[in-house]
Amino acid sequence: MVSSEFMTMKGSKVSSSRGASIFVGDFLAEFGPDALRYYIAVAGPENQDTDFTWDEFVRRTNYELANEWGNLVNRSISMAHKNNGAIPAAGELTDADRALLAESAAAFDVVGSTSPPVASRQASPRPCASSRSPTSTSPTWNRGS
């Protein structure tokens, strides 16, 4: 991550004497490195200071990672099991399959074109957006099943 700004906490510079600090070892022991990497990529300082809050960390981790990505994977596997008893073997692609693959590839193009040297905040949400796309959901899912 490239940054020329600061991540603050409680509206001021990180300072253990002021109670505005997080010890990385403790953080990693509790949440693991992936949650930290994701949060810094999507919320880290790029062109202005960013204030770390636990509420925002929890919201991004729970909503974006667990709900968006987790829901996409869970629904895909559940639908495959419900309709086929297992994950089906690959077959001919439908127009909807091709549209989703094209959208996913375009999302990675955006990530690749904006990541160097900065702009990870702009790039990081693109793959998540594909999980919310109308082409990434089955009409059955839209009926709440």
C-alpha atoms as a PDB file:
ATOM      1  CA  MET A   1       0.000   0.000   0.000  1.00  0.00           C
ATOM      2  CA  VAL A   2       1.306   3.421  -0.929  1.00  0.00           C
ATOM      3  CA  SER A   3       0.277   6.265   1.333  1.00  0.00           C
ATOM      4  CA  SER A   4       1.373   9.809   1.900  1.00  0.00           C
ATOM      5  CA  GLU A   5      -1.236  10.531   4.568  1.00  0.00           C
ATOM      6  CA  PHE A   6      -1.949   9.303   8.088  1.00  0.00           C
ATOM      7  CA  MET A   7      -4.399   6.907   9.630  1.00  0.00           C
ATOM      8  CA  THR A   8      -5.654   8.525  12.799  1.00  0.00           C
ATOM      9  CA  MET A   9      -7.663   7.180  15.692  1.00  0.00           C
ATOM     10  CA  LYS A  10     -10.183   9.105  17.749  1.00  0.00           C
ATOM     11  CA  GLY A  11      -9.503  12.125  15.549  1.00  0.00           C
ATOM     12  CA  SER A  12      -5.819  12.460  16.419  1.00  0.00           C
ATOM     13  CA  LYS A  13      -2.472  10.860  15.740  1.00  0.00           C
ATOM     14  CA  VAL A  14      -2.100   7.332  16.986  1.00  0.00           C
ATOM     15  CA  SER A  15      -0.740   7.528  20.519  1.00  0.00           C
ATOM     16  CA  SER A  16      -0.644   4.787  23.145  1.00  0.00           C
ATOM     17  CA  SER A  17      -0.292   7.384  25.917  1.00  0.00           C
ATOM     18  CA  ARG A  18      -3.593   8.961  24.816  1.00  0.00           C
ATOM     19  CA  GLY A  19      -5.327   5.616  24.481  1.00  0.00           C
ATOM     20  CA  ALA A  20      -5.550   5.984  20.711  1.00  0.00           C
ATOM     21  CA  SER A  21      -3.607   2.978  19.504  1.00  0.00           C
ATOM     22  CA  ILE A  22      -3.931  -0.561  18.322  1.00  0.00           C
ATOM     23  CA  PHE A  23      -1.096  -3.013  18.784  1.00  0.00           C
ATOM     24  CA  VAL A  24      -0.643  -4.914  15.543  1.00  0.00           C
ATOM     25  CA  GLY A  25       0.244  -8.214  17.244  1.00  0.00           C
ATOM     26  CA  ASP A  26      -2.934  -8.092  19.340  1.00  0.00           C
ATOM     27  CA  PHE A  27      -4.996  -7.086  16.301  1.00  0.00           C
ATOM     28  CA  LEU A  28      -3.620  -9.942  14.191  1.00  0.00           C
ATOM     29  CA  ALA A  29      -4.163 -12.457  16.994  1.00  0.00           C
ATOM     30  CA  GLU A  30      -7.818 -11.407  17.223  1.00  0.00           C
ATOM     31  CA  PHE A  31      -8.778 -10.806  13.584  1.00  0.00           C
ATOM     32  CA  GLY A  32      -6.007 -12.252  11.404  1.00  0.00           C
ATOM     33  CA  PRO A  33      -4.091 -10.559   8.598  1.00  0.00           C
ATOM     34  CA  ASP A  34      -6.768 -10.730   5.897  1.00  0.00           C
ATOM     35  CA  ALA A  35      -9.206  -8.457   7.730  1.00  0.00           C
ATOM     36  CA  LEU A  36      -6.432  -5.920   8.318  1.00  0.00           C
ATOM     37  CA  ARG A  37      -5.249  -6.059   4.700  1.00  0.00           C
ATOM     38  CA  TYR A  38      -8.784  -5.627   3.425  1.00  0.00           C
ATOM     39  CA  TYR A  39      -9.576  -2.711   5.733  1.00  0.00           C
ATOM     40  CA  ILE A  40      -6.376  -0.853   4.888  1.00  0.00           C
ATOM     41  CA  ALA A  41      -6.954  -1.439   1.167  1.00  0.00           C
ATOM     42  CA  VAL A  42     -10.496  -0.051   1.200  1.00  0.00           C
ATOM     43  CA  ALA A  43     -10.309   2.541   3.975  1.00  0.00           C
ATOM     44  CA  GLY A  44      -6.641   3.401   4.306  1.00  0.00           C
ATOM     45  CA  PRO A  45      -5.296   6.897   3.767  1.00  0.00           C
ATOM     46  CA  GLU A  46      -4.454   7.769   0.172  1.00  0.00           C
ATOM     47  CA  ASN A  47      -5.045  11.457  -0.390  1.00  0.00           C
ATOM     48  CA  GLN A  48      -6.224  12.602   3.032  1.00  0.00           C
ATOM     49  CA  ASP A  49      -5.994  11.400   6.630  1.00  0.00           C
ATOM     50  CA  THR A  50      -8.383   8.596   7.530  1.00  0.00           C
ATOM     51  CA  ASP A  51      -9.761   8.078  11.010  1.00  0.00           C
ATOM     52  CA  PHE A  52      -9.846   4.424  12.136  1.00  0.00           C
ATOM     53  CA  THR A  53     -12.957   3.490  14.098  1.00  0.00           C
ATOM     54  CA  TRP A  54     -13.887   0.063  15.362  1.00  0.00           C
ATOM     55  CA  ASP A  55     -17.445   0.579  14.091  1.00  0.00           C
ATOM     56  CA  GLU A  56     -16.185   1.155  10.537  1.00  0.00           C
ATOM     57  CA  PHE A  57     -13.781  -1.784  10.748  1.00  0.00           C
ATOM     58  CA  VAL A  58     -16.579  -4.086  11.931  1.00  0.00           C
ATOM     59  CA  ARG A  59     -19.008  -2.745   9.306  1.00  0.00           C
ATOM     60  CA  ARG A  60     -16.573  -3.265   6.447  1.00  0.00           C
ATOM     61  CA  THR A  61     -15.455  -6.675   7.670  1.00  0.00           C
ATOM     62  CA  ASN A  62     -18.956  -7.966   8.376  1.00  0.00           C
ATOM     63  CA  TYR A  63     -20.883  -6.337   5.548  1.00  0.00           C
ATOM     64  CA  GLU A  64     -18.411  -6.287   2.699  1.00  0.00           C
ATOM     65  CA  LEU A  65     -16.412  -9.436   3.368  1.00  0.00           C
ATOM     66  CA  ALA A  66     -18.762 -11.735   5.244  1.00  0.00           C
ATOM     67  CA  ASN A  67     -22.070 -10.634   3.729  1.00  0.00           C
ATOM     68  CA  GLU A  68     -21.153  -9.704   0.159  1.00  0.00           C
ATOM     69  CA  TRP A  69     -18.517 -12.327  -0.663  1.00  0.00           C
ATOM     70  CA  GLY A  70     -19.726 -14.928   1.810  1.00  0.00           C
ATOM     71  CA  ASN A  71     -23.308 -14.626   0.619  1.00  0.00           C
ATOM     72  CA  LEU A  72     -22.285 -15.020  -3.012  1.00  0.00           C
ATOM     73  CA  VAL A  73     -20.299 -18.178  -2.274  1.00  0.00           C
ATOM     74  CA  ASN A  74     -22.926 -19.630   0.065  1.00  0.00           C
ATOM     75  CA  ARG A  75     -25.796 -19.032  -2.345  1.00  0.00           C
ATOM     76  CA  SER A  76     -23.857 -20.431  -5.272  1.00  0.00           C
ATOM     77  CA  ILE A  77     -22.999 -23.625  -3.426  1.00  0.00           C
ATOM     78  CA  SER A  78     -26.477 -23.928  -1.884  1.00  0.00           C
ATOM     79  CA  MET A  79     -28.182 -23.477  -5.259  1.00  0.00           C
ATOM     80  CA  ALA A  80     -25.886 -26.047  -6.866  1.00  0.00           C
ATOM     81  CA  HIS A  81     -26.640 -28.544  -4.104  1.00  0.00           C
ATOM     82  CA  LYS A  82     -30.402 -27.823  -4.123  1.00  0.00           C
ATOM     83  CA  ASN A  83     -30.770 -28.099  -7.891  1.00  0.00           C
ATOM     84  CA  ASN A  84     -28.171 -30.756  -8.672  1.00  0.00           C
ATOM     85  CA  GLY A  85     -27.292 -32.500  -5.422  1.00  0.00           C
ATOM     86  CA  ALA A  86     -23.686 -31.401  -5.966  1.00  0.00           C
ATOM     87  CA  ILE A  87     -21.652 -28.785  -7.744  1.00  0.00           C
ATOM     88  CA  PRO A  88     -22.343 -29.597 -11.394  1.00  0.00           C
ATOM     89  CA  ALA A  89     -19.672 -30.370 -13.937  1.00  0.00           C
ATOM     90  CA  ALA A  90     -18.783 -27.524 -16.252  1.00  0.00           C
ATOM     91  CA  GLY A  91     -20.999 -27.286 -19.302  1.00  0.00           C
ATOM     92  CA  GLU A  92     -21.738 -24.891 -22.119  1.00  0.00           C
ATOM     93  CA  LEU A  93     -21.777 -21.257 -21.056  1.00  0.00           C
ATOM     94  CA  THR A  94     -25.037 -19.363 -21.303  1.00  0.00           C
ATOM     95  CA  ASP A  95     -25.343 -15.697 -22.265  1.00  0.00           C
ATOM     96  CA  ALA A  96     -25.793 -14.880 -18.543  1.00  0.00           C
ATOM     97  CA  ASP A  97     -22.599 -16.835 -17.739  1.00  0.00           C
ATOM     98  CA  ARG A  98     -20.662 -14.910 -20.380  1.00  0.00           C
ATOM     99  CA  ALA A  99     -22.038 -11.577 -19.117  1.00  0.00           C
ATOM    100  CA  LEU A 100     -20.975 -12.372 -15.547  1.00  0.00           C
ATOM    101  CA  LEU A 101     -17.517 -13.502 -16.664  1.00  0.00           C
ATOM    102  CA  ALA A 102     -17.089 -10.330 -18.726  1.00  0.00           C
ATOM    103  CA  GLU A 103     -18.177  -8.159 -15.800  1.00  0.00           C
ATOM    104  CA  SER A 104     -15.788  -9.968 -13.468  1.00  0.00           C
ATOM    105  CA  ALA A 105     -12.908  -9.588 -15.912  1.00  0.00           C
ATOM    106  CA  ALA A 106     -13.714  -5.888 -16.279  1.00  0.00           C
ATOM    107  CA  ALA A 107     -13.638  -5.522 -12.476  1.00  0.00           C
ATOM    108  CA  PHE A 108     -10.122  -6.946 -12.410  1.00  0.00           C
ATOM    109  CA  ASP A 109      -9.127  -4.612 -15.255  1.00  0.00           C
ATOM    110  CA  VAL A 110     -10.271  -1.681 -13.108  1.00  0.00           C
ATOM    111  CA  VAL A 111      -8.318  -3.028 -10.134  1.00  0.00           C
ATOM    112  CA  GLY A 112      -5.200  -3.511 -12.237  1.00  0.00           C
ATOM    113  CA  SER A 113      -5.406  -0.110 -13.868  1.00  0.00           C
ATOM    114  CA  THR A 114      -5.957   1.819 -10.628  1.00  0.00           C
ATOM    115  CA  SER A 115      -3.785  -0.081  -8.175  1.00  0.00           C
ATOM    116  CA  PRO A 116      -0.335   1.166  -9.212  1.00  0.00           C
ATOM    117  CA  PRO A 117       0.907   3.348  -7.745  1.00  0.00           C
ATOM    118  CA  VAL A 118      -2.040   4.341  -5.519  1.00  0.00           C
ATOM    119  CA  ALA A 119      -5.852   4.369  -5.601  1.00  0.00           C
ATOM    120  CA  SER A 120      -6.406   1.039  -3.873  1.00  0.00           C
ATOM    121  CA  ARG A 121      -9.528   2.538  -2.286  1.00  0.00           C
ATOM    122  CA  GLN A 122     -10.945   3.106  -5.764  1.00  0.00           C
ATOM    123  CA  ALA A 123      -9.931  -0.344  -6.984  1.00  0.00           C
ATOM    124  CA  SER A 124     -10.761  -2.536  -3.986  1.00  0.00           C
ATOM    125  CA  PRO A 125     -14.586  -2.311  -4.091  1.00  0.00           C
ATOM    126  CA  ARG A 126     -14.805  -3.399  -7.752  1.00  0.00           C
ATOM    127  CA  PRO A 127     -14.707  -7.168  -7.174  1.00  0.00           C
ATOM    128  CA  CYS A 128     -17.333  -6.769  -4.412  1.00  0.00           C
ATOM    129  CA  ALA A 129     -19.537  -4.866  -6.843  1.00  0.00           C
ATOM    130  CA  SER A 130     -19.604  -7.938  -9.076  1.00  0.00           C
ATOM    131  CA  SER A 131     -21.109  -9.940  -6.223  1.00  0.00           C
ATOM    132  CA  ARG A 132     -24.024  -7.455  -6.085  1.00  0.00           C
ATOM    133  CA  SER A 133     -24.555  -7.275  -9.834  1.00  0.00           C
ATOM    134  CA  PRO A 134     -27.948  -8.251 -11.271  1.00  0.00           C
ATOM    135  CA  THR A 135     -26.123 -10.667 -13.587  1.00  0.00           C
ATOM    136  CA  SER A 136     -24.505 -12.412 -10.614  1.00  0.00           C
ATOM    137  CA  THR A 137     -27.791 -13.477  -9.064  1.00  0.00           C
ATOM    138  CA  SER A 138     -30.390 -15.963 -10.101  1.00  0.00           C
ATOM    139  CA  PRO A 139     -34.014 -14.773 -10.486  1.00  0.00           C
ATOM    140  CA  THR A 140     -34.853 -17.328  -7.773  1.00  0.00           C
ATOM    141  CA  TRP A 141     -32.573 -15.489  -5.349  1.00  0.00           C
ATOM    142  CA  ASN A 142     -34.399 -12.231  -6.029  1.00  0.00           C
ATOM    143  CA  ARG A 143     -37.593 -13.864  -4.783  1.00  0.00           C
ATOM    144  CA  GLY A 144     -35.941 -14.386  -1.396  1.00  0.00           C
ATOM    145  CA  SER A 145     -35.278 -18.105  -1.534  1.00  0.00           C
END
